[in-house]
Amino acid sequence: MSIKIGDRLPDGKLAEFIETETEGCTLGPNTFDVATLVKGKTIAIFGLPGAFTPTCSAQHVPGYIKHAKELHAKGVDEIWCISVNDAFVMGAWGRDQEATGVVRMMADGNADFTKALGLEFDLKGFGMGIRSQRYSMLVKDGVVTQLNLEAAGKFEVSNAETLLGQI
């Protein structure tokens, strides 16, 4: 069963490659508790099948970067991209997409959080293992208030423009 509007995000951990060392965050991959990160915040989250893949790199991530200021103006505290890749790959992809400081590139390397959401997608037949379905959601204080789940192979409702229009 997959997550739906009104549900609280499941417990889980995500990793992020940190470019600049700060108090509590070392350089390189850092693991974060999702419940702690979302507490008291409004987060725009989008999930996608994989880093450096065509639609994800050409449309999905760039759209959220382009509309970040508008999302923040409507009360979004943070924007997260979640993919079933490791933190090193997500960090490199974030640098490639010029997302640093705009979109948090969150790694779900073993798909544990994606499976807890019920949004996993089996791409083993294509040599890609378990991946995430393409989606977007708005989360307020840990509760899903908007959810846009794409049909397989589509990119129509999880874009930044759709989520922005729902806020």
N, C-alpha and C. Protein backbone atom coordinates (compact mmCIF):
# COMPACT_ATOMS: atom_id res chain seq x y z
N MET A 1 0.85 -1.18 0.00
CA MET A 1 0.00 0.00 0.00
C MET A 1 0.89 1.24 0.00
N SER A 2 0.55 2.21 -0.83
CA SER A 2 1.38 3.40 -0.92
C SER A 2 0.81 4.53 -0.07
N ILE A 3 1.67 5.46 0.23
CA ILE A 3 1.32 6.62 1.03
C ILE A 3 0.23 7.41 0.31
N LYS A 4 -0.58 8.13 1.08
CA LYS A 4 -1.64 8.94 0.49
C LYS A 4 -1.78 10.24 1.26
N ILE A 5 -2.53 11.17 0.70
CA ILE A 5 -2.76 12.45 1.35
C ILE A 5 -3.36 12.20 2.73
N GLY A 6 -2.85 12.91 3.73
CA GLY A 6 -3.31 12.75 5.11
C GLY A 6 -2.44 11.83 5.93
N ASP A 7 -1.61 11.02 5.27
CA ASP A 7 -0.71 10.12 5.98
C ASP A 7 0.52 10.87 6.48
N ARG A 8 1.06 10.37 7.59
CA ARG A 8 2.34 10.87 8.10
C ARG A 8 3.44 10.11 7.37
N LEU A 9 4.53 10.80 7.04
CA LEU A 9 5.67 10.11 6.43
C LEU A 9 6.15 8.99 7.33
N PRO A 10 6.57 7.88 6.76
CA PRO A 10 7.10 6.79 7.58
C PRO A 10 8.44 7.17 8.18
N ASP A 11 8.81 6.47 9.24
CA ASP A 11 10.15 6.65 9.79
C ASP A 11 11.15 6.20 8.75
N GLY A 12 12.28 6.83 8.77
CA GLY A 12 13.30 6.42 7.82
C GLY A 12 14.50 7.34 7.88
N LYS A 13 15.50 6.97 7.15
CA LYS A 13 16.74 7.74 7.08
C LYS A 13 17.06 7.98 5.61
N LEU A 14 17.61 9.16 5.35
CA LEU A 14 18.09 9.52 4.02
C LEU A 14 19.49 10.08 4.18
N ALA A 15 20.30 9.93 3.15
CA ALA A 15 21.68 10.44 3.20
C ALA A 15 21.83 11.59 2.22
N GLU A 16 22.70 12.51 2.59
CA GLU A 16 22.98 13.67 1.74
C GLU A 16 24.48 13.90 1.73
N PHE A 17 25.02 14.18 0.57
CA PHE A 17 26.45 14.49 0.46
C PHE A 17 26.63 15.96 0.82
N ILE A 18 27.38 16.22 1.89
CA ILE A 18 27.58 17.59 2.38
C ILE A 18 28.87 18.14 1.77
N GLU A 19 28.76 19.28 1.10
CA GLU A 19 29.88 19.91 0.41
C GLU A 19 30.73 20.77 1.35
N THR A 20 30.09 21.36 2.35
CA THR A 20 30.78 22.27 3.25
C THR A 20 30.54 21.82 4.68
N GLU A 21 31.59 21.58 5.41
CA GLU A 21 31.48 21.11 6.79
C GLU A 21 30.89 22.21 7.67
N THR A 22 29.92 21.83 8.48
CA THR A 22 29.31 22.74 9.45
C THR A 22 29.18 21.99 10.77
N GLU A 23 28.76 22.68 11.80
CA GLU A 23 28.58 22.03 13.09
C GLU A 23 27.53 20.93 12.95
N GLY A 24 27.89 19.72 13.27
CA GLY A 24 26.97 18.59 13.19
C GLY A 24 26.95 17.89 11.84
N CYS A 25 27.58 18.46 10.83
CA CYS A 25 27.62 17.85 9.50
C CYS A 25 29.06 17.83 8.99
N THR A 26 29.55 16.64 8.72
CA THR A 26 30.91 16.51 8.21
C THR A 26 30.88 16.52 6.69
N LEU A 27 32.04 16.72 6.10
CA LEU A 27 32.15 16.62 4.64
C LEU A 27 31.79 15.20 4.22
N GLY A 28 31.15 15.08 3.07
CA GLY A 28 30.79 13.77 2.56
C GLY A 28 29.40 13.35 2.97
N PRO A 29 29.10 12.05 2.86
CA PRO A 29 27.76 11.56 3.16
C PRO A 29 27.42 11.72 4.65
N ASN A 30 26.24 12.25 4.91
CA ASN A 30 25.69 12.35 6.26
C ASN A 30 24.30 11.74 6.22
N THR A 31 23.94 11.00 7.25
CA THR A 31 22.63 10.36 7.31
C THR A 31 21.73 11.14 8.26
N PHE A 32 20.50 11.34 7.83
CA PHE A 32 19.54 12.14 8.58
C PHE A 32 18.26 11.36 8.82
N ASP A 33 17.66 11.61 9.97
CA ASP A 33 16.37 11.03 10.32
C ASP A 33 15.27 11.89 9.69
N VAL A 34 14.43 11.27 8.87
CA VAL A 34 13.39 12.02 8.14
C VAL A 34 12.47 12.76 9.10
N ALA A 35 12.00 12.09 10.16
CA ALA A 35 11.06 12.72 11.09
C ALA A 35 11.65 13.99 11.71
N THR A 36 12.93 13.96 12.01
CA THR A 36 13.60 15.14 12.58
C THR A 36 13.67 16.27 11.56
N LEU A 37 13.99 15.93 10.31
CA LEU A 37 14.14 16.94 9.26
C LEU A 37 12.83 17.65 8.91
N VAL A 38 11.71 16.93 8.97
CA VAL A 38 10.44 17.51 8.53
C VAL A 38 9.67 18.19 9.66
N LYS A 39 10.10 17.99 10.90
CA LYS A 39 9.37 18.54 12.05
C LYS A 39 9.24 20.06 11.95
N GLY A 40 8.00 20.53 11.94
CA GLY A 40 7.71 21.95 11.91
C GLY A 40 8.01 22.64 10.59
N LYS A 41 8.28 21.87 9.54
CA LYS A 41 8.63 22.46 8.24
C LYS A 41 7.64 22.04 7.16
N THR A 42 7.62 22.83 6.09
CA THR A 42 6.90 22.47 4.88
C THR A 42 7.95 22.11 3.85
N ILE A 43 7.86 20.87 3.34
CA ILE A 43 8.87 20.35 2.42
C ILE A 43 8.20 19.94 1.11
N ALA A 44 8.74 20.41 0.00
CA ALA A 44 8.35 19.92 -1.32
C ALA A 44 9.30 18.77 -1.64
N ILE A 45 8.75 17.59 -1.82
CA ILE A 45 9.56 16.39 -2.10
C ILE A 45 9.19 15.87 -3.48
N PHE A 46 10.22 15.56 -4.25
CA PHE A 46 9.94 14.84 -5.49
C PHE A 46 10.87 13.65 -5.57
N GLY A 47 10.30 12.54 -6.01
CA GLY A 47 11.05 11.31 -6.15
C GLY A 47 11.11 10.92 -7.61
N LEU A 48 12.19 10.25 -7.97
CA LEU A 48 12.38 9.89 -9.37
C LEU A 48 13.21 8.63 -9.48
N PRO A 49 13.19 7.99 -10.65
CA PRO A 49 13.87 6.70 -10.80
C PRO A 49 15.38 6.70 -10.63
N GLY A 50 16.08 7.74 -11.09
CA GLY A 50 17.52 7.66 -10.95
C GLY A 50 18.27 8.91 -11.37
N ALA A 51 19.38 9.12 -10.69
CA ALA A 51 20.29 10.22 -11.02
C ALA A 51 20.85 10.05 -12.42
N PHE A 52 21.06 11.16 -13.07
CA PHE A 52 21.67 11.23 -14.40
C PHE A 52 20.83 10.56 -15.49
N THR A 53 19.58 10.24 -15.22
CA THR A 53 18.72 9.66 -16.25
C THR A 53 18.08 10.79 -17.05
N PRO A 54 17.67 10.53 -18.29
CA PRO A 54 17.26 11.60 -19.20
C PRO A 54 16.16 12.55 -18.68
N THR A 55 14.98 12.05 -18.38
CA THR A 55 13.89 12.93 -17.96
C THR A 55 14.21 13.59 -16.62
N CYS A 56 14.82 12.84 -15.73
CA CYS A 56 15.16 13.37 -14.40
C CYS A 56 16.14 14.54 -14.51
N SER A 57 17.13 14.40 -15.38
CA SER A 57 18.16 15.43 -15.52
C SER A 57 17.74 16.59 -16.40
N ALA A 58 16.94 16.32 -17.42
CA ALA A 58 16.56 17.37 -18.38
C ALA A 58 15.35 18.17 -17.94
N GLN A 59 14.45 17.55 -17.13
CA GLN A 59 13.20 18.22 -16.81
C GLN A 59 12.89 18.29 -15.32
N HIS A 60 12.96 17.13 -14.63
CA HIS A 60 12.46 17.07 -13.26
C HIS A 60 13.25 17.97 -12.31
N VAL A 61 14.54 17.73 -12.17
CA VAL A 61 15.36 18.54 -11.26
C VAL A 61 15.42 20.00 -11.73
N PRO A 62 15.68 20.27 -13.01
CA PRO A 62 15.74 21.68 -13.44
C PRO A 62 14.46 22.47 -13.14
N GLY A 63 13.31 21.82 -13.23
CA GLY A 63 12.05 22.50 -12.94
C GLY A 63 11.95 22.97 -11.50
N TYR A 64 12.41 22.13 -10.59
CA TYR A 64 12.37 22.51 -9.17
C TYR A 64 13.41 23.58 -8.86
N ILE A 65 14.55 23.55 -9.54
CA ILE A 65 15.55 24.60 -9.37
C ILE A 65 14.97 25.93 -9.89
N LYS A 66 14.38 25.88 -11.06
CA LYS A 66 13.81 27.09 -11.69
C LYS A 66 12.73 27.72 -10.82
N HIS A 67 11.90 26.90 -10.19
CA HIS A 67 10.74 27.41 -9.44
C HIS A 67 10.98 27.47 -7.93
N ALA A 68 12.22 27.29 -7.50
CA ALA A 68 12.53 27.26 -6.06
C ALA A 68 12.09 28.54 -5.35
N LYS A 69 12.39 29.69 -5.90
CA LYS A 69 12.02 30.95 -5.24
C LYS A 69 10.51 31.09 -5.10
N GLU A 70 9.77 30.67 -6.11
CA GLU A 70 8.30 30.72 -6.06
C GLU A 70 7.77 29.76 -4.99
N LEU A 71 8.35 28.57 -4.92
CA LEU A 71 7.95 27.61 -3.89
C LEU A 71 8.22 28.17 -2.50
N HIS A 72 9.39 28.76 -2.31
CA HIS A 72 9.73 29.35 -1.01
C HIS A 72 8.78 30.50 -0.68
N ALA A 73 8.42 31.30 -1.68
CA ALA A 73 7.51 32.42 -1.46
C ALA A 73 6.12 31.94 -1.02
N LYS A 74 5.77 30.69 -1.37
CA LYS A 74 4.48 30.12 -0.97
C LYS A 74 4.59 29.31 0.32
N GLY A 75 5.70 29.44 1.03
CA GLY A 75 5.83 28.81 2.33
C GLY A 75 6.61 27.52 2.40
N VAL A 76 7.20 27.09 1.30
CA VAL A 76 8.01 25.87 1.31
C VAL A 76 9.37 26.20 1.92
N ASP A 77 9.72 25.45 2.96
CA ASP A 77 11.00 25.66 3.65
C ASP A 77 12.16 25.01 2.91
N GLU A 78 11.94 23.80 2.39
CA GLU A 78 13.00 23.05 1.71
C GLU A 78 12.41 22.28 0.55
N ILE A 79 13.27 21.98 -0.42
CA ILE A 79 12.92 21.15 -1.56
C ILE A 79 13.87 19.96 -1.55
N TRP A 80 13.30 18.76 -1.61
CA TRP A 80 14.10 17.54 -1.61
C TRP A 80 13.88 16.75 -2.89
N CYS A 81 14.95 16.23 -3.42
CA CYS A 81 14.90 15.24 -4.49
C CYS A 81 15.35 13.93 -3.86
N ILE A 82 14.50 12.90 -3.93
CA ILE A 82 14.83 11.59 -3.38
C ILE A 82 14.98 10.59 -4.53
N SER A 83 16.09 9.88 -4.53
CA SER A 83 16.31 8.85 -5.52
C SER A 83 17.03 7.66 -4.90
N VAL A 84 16.82 6.50 -5.49
CA VAL A 84 17.47 5.28 -5.02
C VAL A 84 18.86 5.21 -5.66
N ASN A 85 19.72 6.07 -5.15
CA ASN A 85 21.13 6.13 -5.51
C ASN A 85 21.89 6.38 -4.22
N ASP A 86 23.20 6.19 -4.23
CA ASP A 86 23.98 6.47 -3.02
C ASP A 86 24.26 7.97 -2.92
N ALA A 87 24.71 8.40 -1.75
CA ALA A 87 24.94 9.82 -1.49
C ALA A 87 26.04 10.41 -2.37
N PHE A 88 27.04 9.60 -2.74
CA PHE A 88 28.10 10.10 -3.62
C PHE A 88 27.53 10.45 -5.00
N VAL A 89 26.70 9.57 -5.53
CA VAL A 89 26.07 9.81 -6.84
C VAL A 89 25.14 11.01 -6.76
N MET A 90 24.33 11.08 -5.70
CA MET A 90 23.39 12.20 -5.56
C MET A 90 24.15 13.52 -5.41
N GLY A 91 25.28 13.50 -4.70
CA GLY A 91 26.09 14.71 -4.56
C GLY A 91 26.66 15.15 -5.90
N ALA A 92 27.18 14.20 -6.66
CA ALA A 92 27.74 14.52 -7.98
C ALA A 92 26.65 15.03 -8.92
N TRP A 93 25.49 14.42 -8.85
CA TRP A 93 24.38 14.85 -9.70
C TRP A 93 23.91 16.25 -9.31
N GLY A 94 23.87 16.51 -8.00
CA GLY A 94 23.50 17.84 -7.53
C GLY A 94 24.46 18.91 -8.04
N ARG A 95 25.75 18.61 -8.02
CA ARG A 95 26.74 19.55 -8.55
C ARG A 95 26.53 19.74 -10.06
N ASP A 96 26.30 18.66 -10.77
CA ASP A 96 26.08 18.71 -12.21
C ASP A 96 24.84 19.54 -12.56
N GLN A 97 23.81 19.43 -11.74
CA GLN A 97 22.54 20.14 -11.98
C GLN A 97 22.54 21.56 -11.39
N GLU A 98 23.63 21.92 -10.71
CA GLU A 98 23.71 23.21 -10.01
C GLU A 98 22.57 23.36 -9.00
N ALA A 99 22.32 22.28 -8.27
CA ALA A 99 21.25 22.23 -7.28
C ALA A 99 21.72 22.56 -5.88
N THR A 100 23.03 22.62 -5.65
CA THR A 100 23.58 22.84 -4.31
C THR A 100 23.01 24.13 -3.72
N GLY A 101 22.44 24.00 -2.52
CA GLY A 101 21.87 25.14 -1.84
C GLY A 101 20.45 25.47 -2.28
N VAL A 102 19.93 24.73 -3.27
CA VAL A 102 18.58 24.98 -3.78
C VAL A 102 17.70 23.76 -3.53
N VAL A 103 18.16 22.61 -3.98
CA VAL A 103 17.44 21.35 -3.81
C VAL A 103 18.35 20.40 -3.03
N ARG A 104 17.82 19.83 -1.96
CA ARG A 104 18.59 18.83 -1.21
C ARG A 104 18.50 17.50 -1.95
N MET A 105 19.63 16.98 -2.36
CA MET A 105 19.69 15.73 -3.12
C MET A 105 19.83 14.58 -2.13
N MET A 106 18.71 13.95 -1.80
CA MET A 106 18.63 12.96 -0.73
C MET A 106 18.72 11.54 -1.30
N ALA A 107 19.67 10.80 -0.79
CA ALA A 107 19.93 9.44 -1.25
C ALA A 107 19.18 8.42 -0.40
N ASP A 108 18.56 7.48 -1.08
CA ASP A 108 17.88 6.35 -0.46
C ASP A 108 18.48 5.09 -1.07
N GLY A 109 19.77 4.90 -0.81
CA GLY A 109 20.58 3.89 -1.48
C GLY A 109 20.01 2.49 -1.54
N ASN A 110 19.37 2.03 -0.49
CA ASN A 110 18.81 0.69 -0.47
C ASN A 110 17.31 0.67 -0.73
N ALA A 111 16.74 1.81 -1.05
CA ALA A 111 15.30 1.96 -1.31
C ALA A 111 14.46 1.71 -0.06
N ASP A 112 15.05 1.76 1.12
CA ASP A 112 14.29 1.49 2.34
C ASP A 112 13.17 2.51 2.56
N PHE A 113 13.48 3.80 2.41
CA PHE A 113 12.47 4.82 2.61
C PHE A 113 11.43 4.77 1.49
N THR A 114 11.88 4.56 0.27
CA THR A 114 10.97 4.45 -0.87
C THR A 114 10.01 3.28 -0.68
N LYS A 115 10.51 2.15 -0.20
CA LYS A 115 9.64 1.00 0.08
C LYS A 115 8.66 1.31 1.21
N ALA A 116 9.12 2.04 2.23
CA ALA A 116 8.23 2.42 3.34
C ALA A 116 7.11 3.34 2.84
N LEU A 117 7.40 4.14 1.82
CA LEU A 117 6.37 4.98 1.20
C LEU A 117 5.42 4.15 0.33
N GLY A 118 5.86 2.95 -0.05
CA GLY A 118 5.08 2.12 -0.97
C GLY A 118 5.20 2.60 -2.40
N LEU A 119 6.30 3.29 -2.72
CA LEU A 119 6.47 3.88 -4.05
C LEU A 119 7.64 3.29 -4.82
N GLU A 120 8.03 2.06 -4.47
CA GLU A 120 9.12 1.41 -5.19
C GLU A 120 8.64 0.94 -6.56
N PHE A 121 9.60 0.76 -7.45
CA PHE A 121 9.34 0.39 -8.84
C PHE A 121 10.41 -0.60 -9.25
N ASP A 122 10.03 -1.79 -9.67
CA ASP A 122 10.97 -2.85 -10.00
C ASP A 122 11.48 -2.68 -11.44
N LEU A 123 12.73 -2.30 -11.55
CA LEU A 123 13.36 -2.16 -12.87
C LEU A 123 14.49 -3.18 -13.06
N LYS A 124 14.39 -4.31 -12.34
CA LYS A 124 15.41 -5.34 -12.45
C LYS A 124 15.53 -5.87 -13.87
N GLY A 125 14.44 -5.90 -14.59
CA GLY A 125 14.44 -6.38 -15.97
C GLY A 125 15.30 -5.52 -16.89
N PHE A 126 15.59 -4.31 -16.46
CA PHE A 126 16.41 -3.39 -17.23
C PHE A 126 17.79 -3.20 -16.60
N GLY A 127 18.10 -4.05 -15.59
CA GLY A 127 19.39 -3.99 -14.93
C GLY A 127 19.55 -2.82 -13.98
N MET A 128 18.42 -2.23 -13.54
CA MET A 128 18.48 -1.05 -12.67
C MET A 128 18.01 -1.33 -11.25
N GLY A 129 17.62 -2.56 -10.95
CA GLY A 129 17.19 -2.91 -9.59
C GLY A 129 15.88 -2.26 -9.19
N ILE A 130 15.72 -2.09 -7.88
CA ILE A 130 14.52 -1.44 -7.35
C ILE A 130 14.77 0.07 -7.37
N ARG A 131 13.84 0.79 -7.92
CA ARG A 131 13.92 2.25 -8.03
C ARG A 131 12.67 2.87 -7.44
N SER A 132 12.61 4.19 -7.51
CA SER A 132 11.44 4.92 -7.04
C SER A 132 10.53 5.22 -8.22
N GLN A 133 9.24 5.19 -7.96
CA GLN A 133 8.31 5.74 -8.93
C GLN A 133 8.54 7.24 -8.99
N ARG A 134 8.06 7.87 -10.03
CA ARG A 134 8.17 9.32 -10.16
C ARG A 134 6.95 9.95 -9.46
N TYR A 135 7.23 10.89 -8.54
CA TYR A 135 6.15 11.52 -7.79
C TYR A 135 6.59 12.88 -7.28
N SER A 136 5.62 13.63 -6.79
CA SER A 136 5.90 14.82 -5.99
C SER A 136 4.91 14.84 -4.84
N MET A 137 5.30 15.48 -3.76
CA MET A 137 4.40 15.62 -2.62
C MET A 137 4.76 16.88 -1.84
N LEU A 138 3.77 17.40 -1.18
CA LEU A 138 3.98 18.50 -0.24
C LEU A 138 3.75 17.92 1.14
N VAL A 139 4.70 18.15 2.03
CA VAL A 139 4.64 17.60 3.38
C VAL A 139 4.70 18.75 4.37
N LYS A 140 3.70 18.81 5.25
CA LYS A 140 3.68 19.85 6.29
C LYS A 140 3.79 19.17 7.65
N ASP A 141 4.86 19.48 8.36
CA ASP A 141 5.11 18.90 9.68
C ASP A 141 4.98 17.37 9.66
N GLY A 142 5.49 16.77 8.59
CA GLY A 142 5.50 15.31 8.48
C GLY A 142 4.27 14.68 7.86
N VAL A 143 3.24 15.48 7.53
CA VAL A 143 2.00 14.94 6.98
C VAL A 143 1.89 15.33 5.50
N VAL A 144 1.53 14.36 4.67
CA VAL A 144 1.38 14.59 3.23
C VAL A 144 0.09 15.37 2.98
N THR A 145 0.23 16.56 2.37
CA THR A 145 -0.95 17.37 2.06
C THR A 145 -1.27 17.39 0.57
N GLN A 146 -0.29 17.07 -0.27
CA GLN A 146 -0.48 16.91 -1.71
C GLN A 146 0.35 15.73 -2.16
N LEU A 147 -0.15 14.98 -3.15
CA LEU A 147 0.59 13.85 -3.69
C LEU A 147 0.26 13.71 -5.16
N ASN A 148 1.29 13.67 -5.97
CA ASN A 148 1.13 13.53 -7.42
C ASN A 148 1.99 12.36 -7.88
N LEU A 149 1.35 11.27 -8.23
CA LEU A 149 2.04 10.05 -8.63
C LEU A 149 1.90 9.86 -10.13
N GLU A 150 3.02 9.70 -10.80
CA GLU A 150 3.02 9.53 -12.26
C GLU A 150 2.65 8.11 -12.65
N ALA A 151 2.01 7.98 -13.79
CA ALA A 151 1.84 6.68 -14.42
C ALA A 151 3.22 6.26 -14.94
N ALA A 152 3.44 4.97 -15.08
CA ALA A 152 4.74 4.46 -15.54
C ALA A 152 5.15 5.11 -16.86
N GLY A 153 6.38 5.60 -16.89
CA GLY A 153 6.91 6.19 -18.11
C GLY A 153 6.44 7.61 -18.41
N LYS A 154 5.66 8.20 -17.53
CA LYS A 154 5.11 9.54 -17.77
C LYS A 154 5.82 10.60 -16.94
N PHE A 155 5.72 11.85 -17.38
CA PHE A 155 6.18 13.01 -16.63
C PHE A 155 5.16 14.12 -16.90
N GLU A 156 4.05 14.07 -16.16
CA GLU A 156 2.95 14.99 -16.40
C GLU A 156 2.46 15.71 -15.15
N VAL A 157 2.56 15.07 -13.98
CA VAL A 157 1.95 15.65 -12.77
C VAL A 157 2.92 15.85 -11.61
N SER A 158 4.14 15.35 -11.71
CA SER A 158 5.08 15.48 -10.59
C SER A 158 6.04 16.64 -10.77
N ASN A 159 5.80 17.46 -11.78
CA ASN A 159 6.69 18.58 -12.05
C ASN A 159 6.46 19.70 -11.03
N ALA A 160 7.40 20.63 -11.00
CA ALA A 160 7.35 21.75 -10.05
C ALA A 160 6.14 22.64 -10.29
N GLU A 161 5.80 22.83 -11.55
CA GLU A 161 4.67 23.70 -11.88
C GLU A 161 3.36 23.18 -11.28
N THR A 162 3.14 21.86 -11.37
CA THR A 162 1.92 21.29 -10.81
C THR A 162 1.88 21.47 -9.30
N LEU A 163 2.97 21.13 -8.62
CA LEU A 163 3.00 21.26 -7.17
C LEU A 163 2.84 22.73 -6.75
N LEU A 164 3.47 23.61 -7.45
CA LEU A 164 3.37 25.05 -7.16
C LEU A 164 1.91 25.50 -7.27
N GLY A 165 1.20 25.02 -8.26
CA GLY A 165 -0.20 25.37 -8.45
C GLY A 165 -1.12 24.80 -7.37
N GLN A 166 -0.66 23.80 -6.64
CA GLN A 166 -1.47 23.16 -5.60
C GLN A 166 -1.29 23.80 -4.22
N ILE A 167 -0.31 24.69 -4.11
CA ILE A 167 -0.03 25.28 -2.80
C ILE A 167 -0.90 26.50 -2.59
